[in-house]
Amino acid sequence: MEEPRKRARPGRAPAPPGGRTSRPRQAEVAGLAGVSQATVSLVLGGKKQGVAISAETRQKVLEAAHRLGYVPDPAARRLAAARNDLLGVFSFTATFPTDVRHSYYPFLVGVEREAAARGYDLVLFTGSSSGGAGAGGPEALSRVRLADGCLFLGRHVPTEELRRLVTDGFPVVHVGRRDELEGLAWVGADYVSASHEVVTRLAALGHRRLVLVREDDEAPASTDREHGFLKGLESAGLPAGPEAVFRTAAPESTLTPERLRRWLDEGVTALVAEETDTGGPWRALRAAVREAGLDCPGELSLALLGSPPADLAAEAVPTGFDIPRPQLGAAAVRLLAALVAGEDAEEPLVVCAFRPGATAGPPPHRP
């Protein structure tokens, strides 16, 4: 296919309405093509930022640019090409994860190692931290443009702010699946397969009623874990209806000893919790089991889809899977470096290894 610049010939474009002679903008190309401005930026910039653009959509953009006589602004292209060998890292957590016990810290280890190997320095943007400059404000993300590109971490992200960066062609990579925003590149772990395997292992132990405990939101990491959990139940021929998933916005108040007892009376023998930034579901389950005086795994098996909070490391190792955070951080840097260089690149999902742990065993015998 011809390059966009070869197809966009101002001399062949029709005269603009009203005799206007100003340079057509990407927003006008997007309107004519019936696509988003982010898509126009990706097509005309020759970049593929994590999300594939169909040949039909690409052709619509090129034809619209040709009709309007669109040509890239050379000054803007020169500015965009300026590099200072700096990569940004921005976290959407309440406090930037520099504490070695924070679940995001291993990501940063992988980021730092890969960045150093590729000759980049890192800039840590702490605008999301309490007291940071512009903390929580709409311009908090604008400062990342000081770097050549930026990595983002966080369960919940400000979609509109990220969309502006992507639309402008600024290299962005999110650590964790984010396919709801067209053009946003991301790297992620294969939570679906890992969660499926945990259920398979529990079924092999003899469990026939399992319940997943997750936070009540639509974070992609939670959705992927639930999808894998339900697929595992279906593959094992176990009940996979709505009662198999317990969503809660306040696990510390809803996961009570009484709730556990009701599940046991209903025939549930294993509870599976998702990992979150705070570890809320897992903490609440462990506390409820202790308060109820239940033996784990003798009377009730538990599994964790991810790693436990670092401050619970002294407790029994939970059955579940480990997230290779340093590898994810390194993969994110590789992808971001490729985008900064204007290259097409993809990173496969990172595999999570099953962790046998000590919190799951055969279900209790019930006469």
Protein backbone atom coordinates (compact mmCIF):
# COMPACT_ATOMS: atom_id res chain seq x y z
CA MET A 1 0.00 0.00 0.00
CA GLU A 2 1.24 3.46 -0.81
CA GLU A 3 2.54 5.68 1.97
CA PRO A 4 0.05 8.34 3.17
CA ARG A 5 2.32 11.19 2.12
CA LYS A 6 2.40 9.88 -1.44
CA ARG A 7 -1.39 9.79 -1.60
CA ALA A 8 -2.04 13.18 -0.01
CA ARG A 9 -1.40 15.63 -2.85
CA PRO A 10 -2.70 19.13 -2.09
CA GLY A 11 -2.75 20.09 -5.75
CA ARG A 12 -5.40 17.47 -6.53
CA ALA A 13 -7.71 18.23 -3.59
CA PRO A 14 -10.96 20.14 -4.15
CA ALA A 15 -11.07 23.74 -3.03
CA PRO A 16 -12.13 24.01 0.62
CA PRO A 17 -15.59 25.41 1.37
CA GLY A 18 -15.73 29.19 1.47
CA GLY A 19 -12.37 29.48 -0.19
CA ARG A 20 -10.50 28.60 3.00
CA THR A 21 -6.75 28.13 2.47
CA SER A 22 -5.68 26.92 5.93
CA ARG A 23 -4.07 23.51 6.35
CA PRO A 24 -6.62 20.67 6.86
CA ARG A 25 -6.49 19.17 10.33
CA GLN A 26 -6.52 15.54 11.44
CA ALA A 27 -9.92 16.14 13.05
CA GLU A 28 -11.35 16.97 9.60
CA VAL A 29 -9.81 13.83 8.12
CA ALA A 30 -11.36 11.82 10.98
CA GLY A 31 -14.78 13.37 10.34
CA LEU A 32 -14.70 12.61 6.64
CA ALA A 33 -13.46 9.05 7.17
CA GLY A 34 -15.90 8.38 10.02
CA VAL A 35 -13.20 7.28 12.45
CA SER A 36 -11.59 8.66 15.60
CA GLN A 37 -8.79 11.22 15.48
CA ALA A 38 -6.58 8.70 17.27
CA THR A 39 -7.00 6.31 14.34
CA VAL A 40 -6.09 9.05 11.87
CA SER A 41 -2.97 9.86 13.89
CA LEU A 42 -1.88 6.23 13.89
CA VAL A 43 -2.51 5.69 10.17
CA LEU A 44 -0.95 8.93 8.93
CA GLY A 45 1.90 8.66 11.40
CA GLY A 46 2.73 5.19 10.12
CA LYS A 47 2.61 3.70 13.62
CA LYS A 48 0.84 0.69 15.07
CA GLN A 49 0.37 1.27 18.77
CA GLY A 50 -0.68 -2.11 20.10
CA VAL A 51 -4.07 -2.28 18.35
CA ALA A 52 -4.38 -3.54 14.79
CA ILE A 53 -6.14 -1.24 12.33
CA SER A 54 -8.04 -3.01 9.57
CA ALA A 55 -7.07 -2.51 5.95
CA GLU A 56 -10.55 -1.09 5.25
CA THR A 57 -10.23 1.55 8.00
CA ARG A 58 -6.72 2.44 6.91
CA GLN A 59 -7.91 2.91 3.32
CA LYS A 60 -10.77 5.18 4.45
CA VAL A 61 -8.30 7.39 6.29
CA LEU A 62 -5.91 7.59 3.36
CA GLU A 63 -8.71 8.42 0.92
CA ALA A 64 -10.08 11.13 3.24
CA ALA A 65 -6.61 12.65 3.62
CA HIS A 66 -6.20 12.62 -0.16
CA ARG A 67 -9.57 14.32 -0.74
CA LEU A 68 -8.84 17.05 1.80
CA GLY A 69 -5.27 17.55 0.67
CA TYR A 70 -3.94 16.77 4.13
CA VAL A 71 -0.17 16.79 4.60
CA PRO A 72 1.62 16.40 7.96
CA ASP A 73 2.90 19.57 9.60
CA PRO A 74 6.68 19.36 9.09
CA ALA A 75 7.38 21.46 12.17
CA ALA A 76 5.25 19.16 14.30
CA ARG A 77 6.96 16.11 12.84
CA ARG A 78 10.39 17.55 13.65
CA LEU A 79 9.24 18.31 17.20
CA ALA A 80 7.83 14.81 17.60
CA ALA A 81 11.08 13.33 16.33
CA ALA A 82 13.16 15.14 18.97
CA ARG A 83 14.45 12.65 21.55
CA ASN A 84 16.28 12.98 24.81
CA ASP A 85 16.57 9.28 25.73
CA LEU A 86 14.17 9.57 28.65
CA LEU A 87 11.28 7.20 29.34
CA GLY A 88 8.55 8.18 31.80
CA VAL A 89 6.79 5.99 34.35
CA PHE A 90 3.44 7.15 35.74
CA SER A 91 1.34 5.32 38.32
CA PHE A 92 -2.36 5.86 38.98
CA THR A 93 -2.11 4.49 42.51
CA ALA A 94 -2.69 6.85 45.44
CA THR A 95 1.03 6.77 46.27
CA PHE A 96 3.80 6.10 43.79
CA PRO A 97 5.02 2.51 44.36
CA THR A 98 8.61 3.10 45.50
CA ASP A 99 8.10 0.93 48.60
CA VAL A 100 9.75 -2.44 47.92
CA ARG A 101 6.74 -4.16 49.49
CA HIS A 102 4.33 -2.60 47.02
CA SER A 103 2.96 -4.99 44.39
CA TYR A 104 4.07 -2.62 41.62
CA TYR A 105 7.68 -2.48 42.76
CA PRO A 106 8.76 -5.63 40.84
CA PHE A 107 7.39 -3.99 37.67
CA LEU A 108 9.74 -1.09 38.25
CA VAL A 109 12.67 -3.46 38.71
CA GLY A 110 12.06 -4.93 35.25
CA VAL A 111 11.50 -1.46 33.78
CA GLU A 112 14.76 -0.10 35.19
CA ARG A 113 16.86 -3.05 34.02
CA GLU A 114 15.50 -3.06 30.48
CA ALA A 115 15.70 0.73 30.18
CA ALA A 116 19.32 0.72 31.31
CA ALA A 117 20.15 -2.06 28.84
CA ARG A 118 18.69 0.08 26.04
CA GLY A 119 20.45 3.29 27.05
CA TYR A 120 17.43 5.10 28.49
CA ASP A 121 17.11 7.02 31.74
CA LEU A 122 13.83 6.97 33.64
CA VAL A 123 11.67 9.83 34.82
CA LEU A 124 9.24 8.88 37.61
CA PHE A 125 6.14 11.05 37.46
CA THR A 126 4.48 11.24 40.87
CA GLY A 127 1.55 13.50 40.04
CA SER A 128 -0.87 10.86 41.32
CA SER A 129 0.78 10.86 44.74
CA SER A 130 -0.63 12.83 47.63
CA GLY A 131 0.82 16.32 47.46
CA GLY A 132 2.33 15.90 44.00
CA ALA A 133 2.31 18.89 41.69
CA GLY A 134 -1.14 19.02 40.15
CA ALA A 135 -2.11 15.83 41.94
CA GLY A 136 -5.38 14.52 40.61
CA GLY A 137 -5.86 17.46 38.26
CA PRO A 138 -6.76 17.17 34.56
CA GLU A 139 -3.26 18.27 33.53
CA ALA A 140 -1.47 15.67 35.67
CA LEU A 141 -0.63 13.61 32.57
CA SER A 142 0.59 16.52 30.46
CA ARG A 143 3.97 16.58 32.18
CA VAL A 144 4.85 13.13 30.82
CA ARG A 145 5.60 14.82 27.48
CA LEU A 146 8.95 15.80 28.97
CA ALA A 147 9.99 12.22 28.18
CA ASP A 148 10.18 10.51 24.78
CA GLY A 149 7.35 8.18 25.81
CA CYS A 150 5.69 6.96 28.99
CA LEU A 151 4.65 3.76 30.74
CA PHE A 152 1.45 3.80 32.82
CA LEU A 153 0.48 1.52 35.68
CA GLY A 154 -2.81 1.34 37.55
CA ARG A 155 -6.09 -0.50 37.95
CA HIS A 156 -8.18 2.56 37.04
CA VAL A 157 -6.99 5.09 34.47
CA PRO A 158 -8.32 8.46 33.24
CA THR A 159 -9.42 7.46 29.76
CA GLU A 160 -9.84 10.94 28.29
CA GLU A 161 -6.39 12.11 29.37
CA LEU A 162 -4.78 9.01 27.88
CA ARG A 163 -6.83 9.42 24.71
CA ARG A 164 -5.36 12.89 24.20
CA LEU A 165 -1.83 11.53 24.43
CA VAL A 166 -2.59 8.75 21.95
CA THR A 167 -4.36 11.15 19.58
CA ASP A 168 -1.33 13.41 19.58
CA GLY A 169 0.88 10.47 18.62
CA PHE A 170 2.78 10.50 21.93
CA PRO A 171 4.24 7.01 22.60
CA VAL A 172 2.28 5.41 25.42
CA VAL A 173 2.29 1.86 26.84
CA HIS A 174 0.04 0.64 29.65
CA VAL A 175 1.19 -2.21 31.89
CA GLY A 176 -1.91 -4.40 31.92
CA ARG A 177 -4.60 -5.02 29.32
CA ARG A 178 -6.35 -1.85 28.11
CA ASP A 179 -8.05 -2.58 24.79
CA GLU A 180 -11.03 -0.31 25.43
CA LEU A 181 -9.03 2.70 24.19
CA GLU A 182 -8.29 2.51 20.47
CA GLY A 183 -4.62 2.97 19.68
CA LEU A 184 -3.34 2.47 23.24
CA ALA A 185 -0.50 -0.04 23.38
CA TRP A 186 -0.32 -2.40 26.33
CA VAL A 187 1.50 -5.43 27.68
CA GLY A 188 -0.17 -7.92 29.95
CA ALA A 189 -0.15 -11.30 31.64
CA ASP A 190 -2.26 -14.26 30.55
CA TYR A 191 -4.66 -14.18 33.49
CA VAL A 192 -7.28 -16.16 31.59
CA SER A 193 -5.14 -19.28 31.15
CA ALA A 194 -3.64 -19.00 34.64
CA SER A 195 -7.05 -18.71 36.31
CA HIS A 196 -8.34 -21.62 34.23
CA GLU A 197 -5.47 -23.77 35.49
CA VAL A 198 -6.16 -22.94 39.14
CA VAL A 199 -9.76 -24.13 38.74
CA THR A 200 -8.56 -27.27 36.94
CA ARG A 201 -6.23 -28.07 39.85
CA LEU A 202 -8.99 -27.56 42.42
CA ALA A 203 -11.36 -29.76 40.42
CA ALA A 204 -8.69 -32.47 40.29
CA LEU A 205 -8.57 -32.40 44.10
CA GLY A 206 -12.29 -33.22 44.12
CA HIS A 207 -13.91 -29.80 44.58
CA ARG A 208 -17.33 -29.49 42.92
CA ARG A 209 -18.59 -26.11 44.15
CA LEU A 210 -16.28 -23.11 43.80
CA VAL A 211 -16.91 -19.39 44.22
CA LEU A 212 -14.79 -16.53 42.89
CA VAL A 213 -14.56 -13.44 45.10
CA ARG A 214 -13.71 -10.26 43.17
CA GLU A 215 -14.08 -6.51 43.44
CA ASP A 216 -17.22 -4.95 42.00
CA ASP A 217 -15.77 -3.05 39.05
CA GLU A 218 -14.86 -3.63 35.41
CA ALA A 219 -11.07 -3.51 35.63
CA PRO A 220 -9.68 -5.59 32.73
CA ALA A 221 -7.46 -7.64 35.06
CA SER A 222 -10.53 -8.65 37.09
CA THR A 223 -12.55 -9.40 33.97
CA ASP A 224 -9.78 -11.63 32.60
CA ARG A 225 -9.52 -13.57 35.84
CA GLU A 226 -13.28 -14.09 35.99
CA HIS A 227 -13.33 -15.23 32.37
CA GLY A 228 -10.63 -17.81 33.03
CA PHE A 229 -12.33 -18.95 36.24
CA LEU A 230 -15.66 -19.55 34.48
CA LYS A 231 -13.97 -21.30 31.56
CA GLY A 232 -12.27 -23.59 34.06
CA LEU A 233 -15.59 -24.44 35.69
CA GLU A 234 -17.20 -25.18 32.34
CA SER A 235 -14.28 -27.36 31.25
CA ALA A 236 -14.55 -29.36 34.48
CA GLY A 237 -18.33 -29.67 34.18
CA LEU A 238 -18.90 -27.66 37.37
CA PRO A 239 -21.66 -25.09 38.09
CA ALA A 240 -20.71 -21.83 36.38
CA GLY A 241 -23.83 -19.72 36.85
CA PRO A 242 -24.13 -16.29 38.49
CA GLU A 243 -23.82 -17.86 41.95
CA ALA A 244 -20.23 -18.86 41.11
CA VAL A 245 -19.03 -15.24 41.23
CA PHE A 246 -19.33 -12.99 44.30
CA ARG A 247 -18.71 -9.32 43.52
CA THR A 248 -18.16 -6.93 46.39
CA ALA A 249 -17.17 -3.28 46.73
CA ALA A 250 -16.35 -3.72 50.43
CA PRO A 251 -14.81 -7.16 51.03
CA GLU A 252 -13.92 -6.39 54.66
CA SER A 253 -17.60 -5.94 55.54
CA THR A 254 -19.25 -8.50 53.25
CA LEU A 255 -16.85 -11.44 53.61
CA THR A 256 -17.91 -12.34 57.15
CA PRO A 257 -17.76 -15.64 59.06
CA GLU A 258 -21.55 -15.87 58.56
CA ARG A 259 -21.11 -15.55 54.79
CA LEU A 260 -18.51 -18.36 54.83
CA ARG A 261 -20.80 -20.59 56.85
CA ARG A 262 -23.64 -20.07 54.37
CA TRP A 263 -21.36 -21.05 51.50
CA LEU A 264 -20.31 -24.20 53.34
CA ASP A 265 -23.94 -25.09 53.99
CA GLU A 266 -24.62 -24.66 50.25
CA GLY A 267 -21.88 -27.16 49.41
CA VAL A 268 -19.09 -24.71 48.49
CA THR A 269 -15.71 -26.23 49.39
CA ALA A 270 -13.26 -23.79 47.75
CA LEU A 271 -13.15 -20.01 47.53
CA VAL A 272 -10.96 -18.25 44.96
CA ALA A 273 -9.97 -14.59 45.37
CA GLU A 274 -8.52 -12.19 42.83
CA GLU A 275 -5.38 -10.19 43.52
CA THR A 276 -5.86 -6.42 43.62
CA ASP A 277 -3.68 -3.42 44.42
CA THR A 278 -4.81 -3.51 48.05
CA GLY A 279 -5.25 -7.27 48.42
CA GLY A 280 -8.72 -6.57 49.81
CA PRO A 281 -10.54 -9.81 48.85
CA TRP A 282 -7.69 -12.06 50.03
CA ARG A 283 -7.22 -10.18 53.30
CA ALA A 284 -10.95 -10.33 54.03
CA LEU A 285 -11.17 -14.05 53.26
CA ARG A 286 -8.22 -14.90 55.48
CA ALA A 287 -9.62 -12.80 58.33
CA ALA A 288 -13.07 -14.38 58.01
CA VAL A 289 -11.61 -17.91 58.05
CA ARG A 290 -9.68 -17.15 61.25
CA GLU A 291 -12.68 -15.50 62.92
CA ALA A 292 -14.92 -18.42 61.99
CA GLY A 293 -12.41 -20.88 63.42
CA LEU A 294 -12.29 -22.85 60.16
CA ASP A 295 -9.38 -25.10 59.29
CA CYS A 296 -7.78 -24.23 55.96
CA PRO A 297 -7.55 -26.35 53.90
CA GLY A 298 -9.17 -29.07 56.02
CA GLU A 299 -12.65 -27.54 56.08
CA LEU A 300 -12.35 -24.92 53.34
CA SER A 301 -9.80 -24.51 50.56
CA LEU A 302 -8.64 -21.09 49.41
CA ALA A 303 -6.84 -20.00 46.25
CA LEU A 304 -5.49 -16.65 45.10
CA LEU A 305 -5.36 -15.54 41.46
CA GLY A 306 -2.07 -13.71 41.81
CA SER A 307 0.40 -13.01 44.59
CA PRO A 308 -0.42 -12.20 48.23
CA PRO A 309 0.34 -8.76 49.72
CA ALA A 310 3.95 -8.54 50.88
CA ASP A 311 2.93 -7.89 54.49
CA LEU A 312 1.23 -11.32 54.53
CA ALA A 313 4.36 -13.16 53.39
CA ALA A 314 4.74 -14.88 56.78
CA GLU A 315 1.40 -16.66 56.37
CA ALA A 316 0.86 -19.96 54.55
CA VAL A 317 1.70 -19.65 50.85
CA PRO A 318 -1.62 -19.48 48.98
CA THR A 319 -2.42 -21.86 46.17
CA GLY A 320 -2.70 -19.89 42.92
CA PHE A 321 -0.30 -18.41 40.40
CA ASP A 322 2.60 -15.97 40.32
CA ILE A 323 2.64 -12.88 38.12
CA PRO A 324 6.08 -12.36 36.51
CA ARG A 325 6.14 -8.64 37.18
CA PRO A 326 9.79 -7.95 36.27
CA GLN A 327 9.24 -9.64 32.89
CA LEU A 328 6.14 -7.52 32.31
CA GLY A 329 8.07 -4.36 33.11
CA ALA A 330 10.83 -5.33 30.69
CA ALA A 331 8.31 -6.16 27.95
CA ALA A 332 6.67 -2.75 28.44
CA VAL A 333 10.01 -0.99 27.95
CA ARG A 334 10.75 -2.99 24.79
CA LEU A 335 7.38 -2.03 23.32
CA LEU A 336 7.72 1.62 24.32
CA ALA A 337 11.23 1.86 22.89
CA ALA A 338 9.92 0.50 19.58
CA LEU A 339 7.11 3.07 19.51
CA VAL A 340 9.54 5.89 20.29
CA ALA A 341 11.63 4.73 17.33
CA GLY A 342 8.52 4.69 15.10
CA GLU A 343 8.64 0.92 14.65
CA ASP A 344 5.83 -1.63 14.59
CA ALA A 345 6.09 -4.00 17.54
CA GLU A 346 4.09 -6.51 19.54
CA GLU A 347 4.69 -8.24 22.86
CA PRO A 348 3.03 -11.59 23.61
CA LEU A 349 1.08 -12.15 26.80
CA VAL A 350 3.39 -13.14 29.65
CA VAL A 351 2.71 -16.60 31.10
CA CYS A 352 1.89 -16.90 34.82
CA ALA A 353 3.26 -20.00 36.58
CA PHE A 354 1.00 -22.13 38.78
CA ARG A 355 1.87 -22.05 42.51
CA PRO A 356 0.86 -25.19 44.47
CA GLY A 357 0.78 -23.40 47.81
CA ALA A 358 -0.58 -24.74 51.09
CA THR A 359 -4.15 -23.39 51.25
CA ALA A 360 -5.91 -25.95 49.06
CA GLY A 361 -6.50 -29.62 49.62
CA PRO A 362 -9.18 -32.25 49.01
CA PRO A 363 -12.67 -31.24 50.11
CA PRO A 364 -13.87 -32.56 53.48
CA HIS A 365 -15.81 -35.78 53.45
CA ARG A 366 -19.46 -35.15 54.13
CA PRO A 367 -21.85 -38.07 54.79
